[in-house]
Amino acid sequence: MDYKYNHFEKDISKLINSNICMGYIIHLVRETEVTEDFIFLENAILEAENNYPNIKIAYARFGLDKRIYKKSIGDKTIITPNKV
């Protein structure tokens, strides 16, 4: 939770290099704890899952705008519901 992009990137690399048949990553982040280019991160999440079908990724970000950006296993996009 609250790790930066480089940690996510290392996790993806570990799964790819281990040649496992199925791998899972759950990436949770609060914008109050981490400041990054979240569009870049979210595109990297979607790209990783598209390029490596044996890797499944769940993602949630609690934004400064009080919205929860999320992607469940199997979702093809990052979902942005109304403000909480």
N, C-alpha and C. Protein backbone atom coordinates (compact mmCIF):
# COMPACT_ATOMS: atom_id res chain seq x y z
N MET A 1 0.84 -1.18 0.00
CA MET A 1 0.00 0.00 0.00
C MET A 1 0.89 1.24 0.00
N ASP A 2 0.51 2.19 -0.81
CA ASP A 2 1.19 3.48 -0.90
C ASP A 2 2.62 3.41 -1.41
N TYR A 3 2.93 2.39 -2.21
CA TYR A 3 4.24 2.33 -2.85
C TYR A 3 4.20 3.12 -4.15
N LYS A 4 5.34 3.61 -4.56
CA LYS A 4 5.44 4.37 -5.78
C LYS A 4 5.53 3.44 -6.99
N TYR A 5 5.50 4.06 -8.19
CA TYR A 5 5.48 3.31 -9.43
C TYR A 5 6.64 2.32 -9.54
N ASN A 6 7.83 2.72 -9.10
CA ASN A 6 8.98 1.83 -9.28
C ASN A 6 8.80 0.51 -8.53
N HIS A 7 8.08 0.52 -7.44
CA HIS A 7 7.80 -0.72 -6.71
C HIS A 7 6.86 -1.60 -7.54
N PHE A 8 5.83 -0.99 -8.12
CA PHE A 8 4.90 -1.72 -8.99
C PHE A 8 5.66 -2.32 -10.17
N GLU A 9 6.54 -1.52 -10.78
CA GLU A 9 7.31 -1.98 -11.93
C GLU A 9 8.19 -3.19 -11.57
N LYS A 10 8.79 -3.17 -10.38
CA LYS A 10 9.61 -4.29 -9.93
C LYS A 10 8.77 -5.54 -9.71
N ASP A 11 7.57 -5.38 -9.16
CA ASP A 11 6.68 -6.53 -8.97
C ASP A 11 6.29 -7.17 -10.29
N ILE A 12 6.00 -6.34 -11.28
CA ILE A 12 5.66 -6.86 -12.61
C ILE A 12 6.85 -7.63 -13.18
N SER A 13 8.04 -7.06 -13.08
CA SER A 13 9.25 -7.72 -13.59
C SER A 13 9.48 -9.07 -12.92
N LYS A 14 9.27 -9.12 -11.61
CA LYS A 14 9.44 -10.40 -10.89
C LYS A 14 8.49 -11.46 -11.41
N LEU A 15 7.23 -11.08 -11.64
CA LEU A 15 6.26 -12.05 -12.14
C LEU A 15 6.62 -12.51 -13.55
N ILE A 16 7.04 -11.58 -14.40
CA ILE A 16 7.41 -11.93 -15.78
C ILE A 16 8.62 -12.87 -15.78
N ASN A 17 9.62 -12.52 -15.00
CA ASN A 17 10.86 -13.31 -14.98
C ASN A 17 10.72 -14.66 -14.30
N SER A 18 9.72 -14.83 -13.47
CA SER A 18 9.55 -16.10 -12.77
C SER A 18 8.84 -17.16 -13.62
N ASN A 19 8.29 -16.73 -14.76
CA ASN A 19 7.61 -17.64 -15.69
C ASN A 19 6.50 -18.46 -15.02
N ILE A 20 5.79 -17.87 -14.10
CA ILE A 20 4.68 -18.58 -13.47
C ILE A 20 3.49 -18.61 -14.41
N CYS A 21 2.61 -19.56 -14.19
CA CYS A 21 1.47 -19.68 -15.10
C CYS A 21 0.41 -18.62 -14.82
N MET A 22 0.30 -18.14 -13.57
CA MET A 22 -0.66 -17.09 -13.25
C MET A 22 -0.13 -16.30 -12.06
N GLY A 23 -0.13 -14.97 -12.19
CA GLY A 23 0.34 -14.11 -11.11
C GLY A 23 -0.64 -12.99 -10.85
N TYR A 24 -0.66 -12.51 -9.62
CA TYR A 24 -1.60 -11.46 -9.22
C TYR A 24 -0.87 -10.35 -8.49
N ILE A 25 -1.30 -9.12 -8.75
CA ILE A 25 -0.80 -7.95 -8.04
C ILE A 25 -2.00 -7.14 -7.58
N ILE A 26 -1.92 -6.66 -6.36
CA ILE A 26 -2.91 -5.71 -5.84
C ILE A 26 -2.13 -4.46 -5.48
N HIS A 27 -2.47 -3.35 -6.12
CA HIS A 27 -1.76 -2.09 -5.90
C HIS A 27 -2.75 -1.09 -5.30
N LEU A 28 -2.48 -0.65 -4.07
CA LEU A 28 -3.35 0.29 -3.36
C LEU A 28 -2.56 1.55 -3.05
N VAL A 29 -3.18 2.71 -3.29
CA VAL A 29 -2.46 3.96 -3.06
C VAL A 29 -3.42 5.07 -2.63
N ARG A 30 -2.92 5.90 -1.72
CA ARG A 30 -3.65 7.12 -1.30
C ARG A 30 -2.84 8.31 -1.78
N GLU A 31 -3.50 9.24 -2.45
CA GLU A 31 -2.79 10.40 -2.97
C GLU A 31 -2.21 11.26 -1.85
N THR A 32 -2.75 11.16 -0.66
CA THR A 32 -2.19 11.93 0.45
C THR A 32 -0.83 11.41 0.86
N GLU A 33 -0.53 10.14 0.53
CA GLU A 33 0.74 9.51 0.89
C GLU A 33 1.74 9.48 -0.26
N VAL A 34 1.25 9.43 -1.48
CA VAL A 34 2.11 9.29 -2.66
C VAL A 34 1.68 10.32 -3.69
N THR A 35 2.62 11.05 -4.23
CA THR A 35 2.32 11.96 -5.33
C THR A 35 3.08 11.47 -6.55
N GLU A 36 2.35 11.14 -7.58
CA GLU A 36 2.94 10.61 -8.81
C GLU A 36 2.08 11.03 -9.98
N ASP A 37 2.51 10.65 -11.15
CA ASP A 37 1.70 10.80 -12.35
C ASP A 37 0.79 9.57 -12.42
N PHE A 38 -0.40 9.70 -11.87
CA PHE A 38 -1.28 8.54 -11.76
C PHE A 38 -1.83 8.10 -13.11
N ILE A 39 -1.94 9.01 -14.06
CA ILE A 39 -2.36 8.61 -15.41
C ILE A 39 -1.31 7.66 -16.00
N PHE A 40 -0.04 7.99 -15.82
CA PHE A 40 1.05 7.12 -16.28
C PHE A 40 0.97 5.76 -15.58
N LEU A 41 0.81 5.77 -14.26
CA LEU A 41 0.71 4.52 -13.50
C LEU A 41 -0.47 3.68 -13.97
N GLU A 42 -1.63 4.30 -14.12
CA GLU A 42 -2.82 3.55 -14.52
C GLU A 42 -2.69 3.01 -15.94
N ASN A 43 -2.08 3.76 -16.83
CA ASN A 43 -1.83 3.24 -18.18
C ASN A 43 -0.84 2.08 -18.14
N ALA A 44 0.16 2.16 -17.27
CA ALA A 44 1.13 1.06 -17.13
C ALA A 44 0.44 -0.20 -16.60
N ILE A 45 -0.49 -0.04 -15.69
CA ILE A 45 -1.24 -1.19 -15.16
C ILE A 45 -2.02 -1.87 -16.29
N LEU A 46 -2.75 -1.08 -17.06
CA LEU A 46 -3.54 -1.64 -18.15
C LEU A 46 -2.65 -2.27 -19.22
N GLU A 47 -1.54 -1.62 -19.53
CA GLU A 47 -0.60 -2.14 -20.53
C GLU A 47 0.03 -3.46 -20.07
N ALA A 48 0.42 -3.52 -18.81
CA ALA A 48 1.02 -4.76 -18.29
C ALA A 48 0.04 -5.91 -18.39
N GLU A 49 -1.20 -5.66 -18.03
CA GLU A 49 -2.18 -6.74 -18.08
C GLU A 49 -2.50 -7.14 -19.52
N ASN A 50 -2.50 -6.17 -20.43
CA ASN A 50 -2.74 -6.49 -21.85
C ASN A 50 -1.58 -7.27 -22.45
N ASN A 51 -0.36 -6.92 -22.09
CA ASN A 51 0.82 -7.57 -22.66
C ASN A 51 1.13 -8.92 -22.04
N TYR A 52 0.67 -9.14 -20.82
CA TYR A 52 0.96 -10.40 -20.10
C TYR A 52 -0.35 -10.96 -19.55
N PRO A 53 -1.09 -11.72 -20.36
CA PRO A 53 -2.40 -12.22 -19.94
C PRO A 53 -2.37 -13.12 -18.71
N ASN A 54 -1.19 -13.63 -18.36
CA ASN A 54 -1.10 -14.49 -17.17
C ASN A 54 -0.91 -13.66 -15.89
N ILE A 55 -0.86 -12.34 -16.02
CA ILE A 55 -0.76 -11.46 -14.86
C ILE A 55 -2.08 -10.71 -14.70
N LYS A 56 -2.67 -10.80 -13.54
CA LYS A 56 -3.93 -10.12 -13.23
C LYS A 56 -3.67 -9.06 -12.17
N ILE A 57 -4.24 -7.87 -12.37
CA ILE A 57 -3.95 -6.75 -11.48
C ILE A 57 -5.24 -6.13 -10.96
N ALA A 58 -5.27 -5.93 -9.65
CA ALA A 58 -6.33 -5.15 -9.01
C ALA A 58 -5.70 -3.86 -8.51
N TYR A 59 -6.45 -2.77 -8.55
CA TYR A 59 -5.88 -1.46 -8.25
C TYR A 59 -6.95 -0.60 -7.59
N ALA A 60 -6.53 0.19 -6.61
CA ALA A 60 -7.43 1.18 -6.01
C ALA A 60 -6.61 2.39 -5.59
N ARG A 61 -7.15 3.57 -5.89
CA ARG A 61 -6.50 4.83 -5.49
C ARG A 61 -7.54 5.75 -4.89
N PHE A 62 -7.29 6.21 -3.69
CA PHE A 62 -8.15 7.21 -3.07
C PHE A 62 -7.55 8.56 -3.41
N GLY A 63 -8.25 9.30 -4.27
CA GLY A 63 -7.71 10.55 -4.79
C GLY A 63 -7.95 11.73 -3.88
N LEU A 64 -7.17 12.77 -4.12
CA LEU A 64 -7.37 14.02 -3.39
C LEU A 64 -8.74 14.62 -3.68
N ASP A 65 -9.31 14.25 -4.81
CA ASP A 65 -10.64 14.73 -5.19
C ASP A 65 -11.76 13.93 -4.53
N LYS A 66 -11.40 13.08 -3.59
CA LYS A 66 -12.34 12.24 -2.83
C LYS A 66 -13.01 11.17 -3.68
N ARG A 67 -12.42 10.85 -4.82
CA ARG A 67 -12.93 9.77 -5.65
C ARG A 67 -12.06 8.55 -5.48
N ILE A 68 -12.66 7.40 -5.67
CA ILE A 68 -11.93 6.14 -5.61
C ILE A 68 -11.81 5.60 -7.03
N TYR A 69 -10.58 5.55 -7.50
CA TYR A 69 -10.27 5.02 -8.82
C TYR A 69 -9.92 3.56 -8.62
N LYS A 70 -10.60 2.67 -9.35
CA LYS A 70 -10.37 1.25 -9.07
C LYS A 70 -10.43 0.41 -10.33
N LYS A 71 -9.77 -0.72 -10.20
CA LYS A 71 -9.79 -1.74 -11.24
C LYS A 71 -9.78 -3.09 -10.53
N SER A 72 -10.82 -3.85 -10.74
CA SER A 72 -10.88 -5.21 -10.19
C SER A 72 -10.26 -6.17 -11.17
N ILE A 73 -9.93 -7.36 -10.70
CA ILE A 73 -9.43 -8.41 -11.59
C ILE A 73 -10.45 -8.61 -12.70
N GLY A 74 -10.00 -8.58 -13.93
CA GLY A 74 -10.89 -8.77 -15.06
C GLY A 74 -11.40 -7.48 -15.69
N ASP A 75 -11.34 -6.35 -14.97
CA ASP A 75 -11.75 -5.07 -15.56
C ASP A 75 -10.73 -4.67 -16.62
N LYS A 76 -11.20 -4.08 -17.68
CA LYS A 76 -10.33 -3.64 -18.77
C LYS A 76 -9.98 -2.16 -18.67
N THR A 77 -10.59 -1.44 -17.74
CA THR A 77 -10.34 -0.01 -17.56
C THR A 77 -10.27 0.32 -16.08
N ILE A 78 -9.82 1.53 -15.80
CA ILE A 78 -9.85 2.05 -14.44
C ILE A 78 -11.21 2.74 -14.28
N ILE A 79 -11.96 2.36 -13.28
CA ILE A 79 -13.29 2.89 -13.05
C ILE A 79 -13.21 4.07 -12.09
N THR A 80 -13.91 5.15 -12.42
CA THR A 80 -13.93 6.33 -11.58
C THR A 80 -15.38 6.65 -11.21
N PRO A 81 -15.83 6.21 -10.03
CA PRO A 81 -17.20 6.52 -9.62
C PRO A 81 -17.32 7.96 -9.14
N ASN A 82 -18.53 8.34 -8.78
CA ASN A 82 -18.77 9.68 -8.25
C ASN A 82 -18.03 9.89 -6.95
N LYS A 83 -17.94 11.14 -6.52
CA LYS A 83 -17.28 11.44 -5.25
C LYS A 83 -17.98 10.74 -4.10
N VAL A 84 -17.14 10.34 -3.10
CA VAL A 84 -17.70 9.69 -1.90
C VAL A 84 -18.00 10.72 -0.85
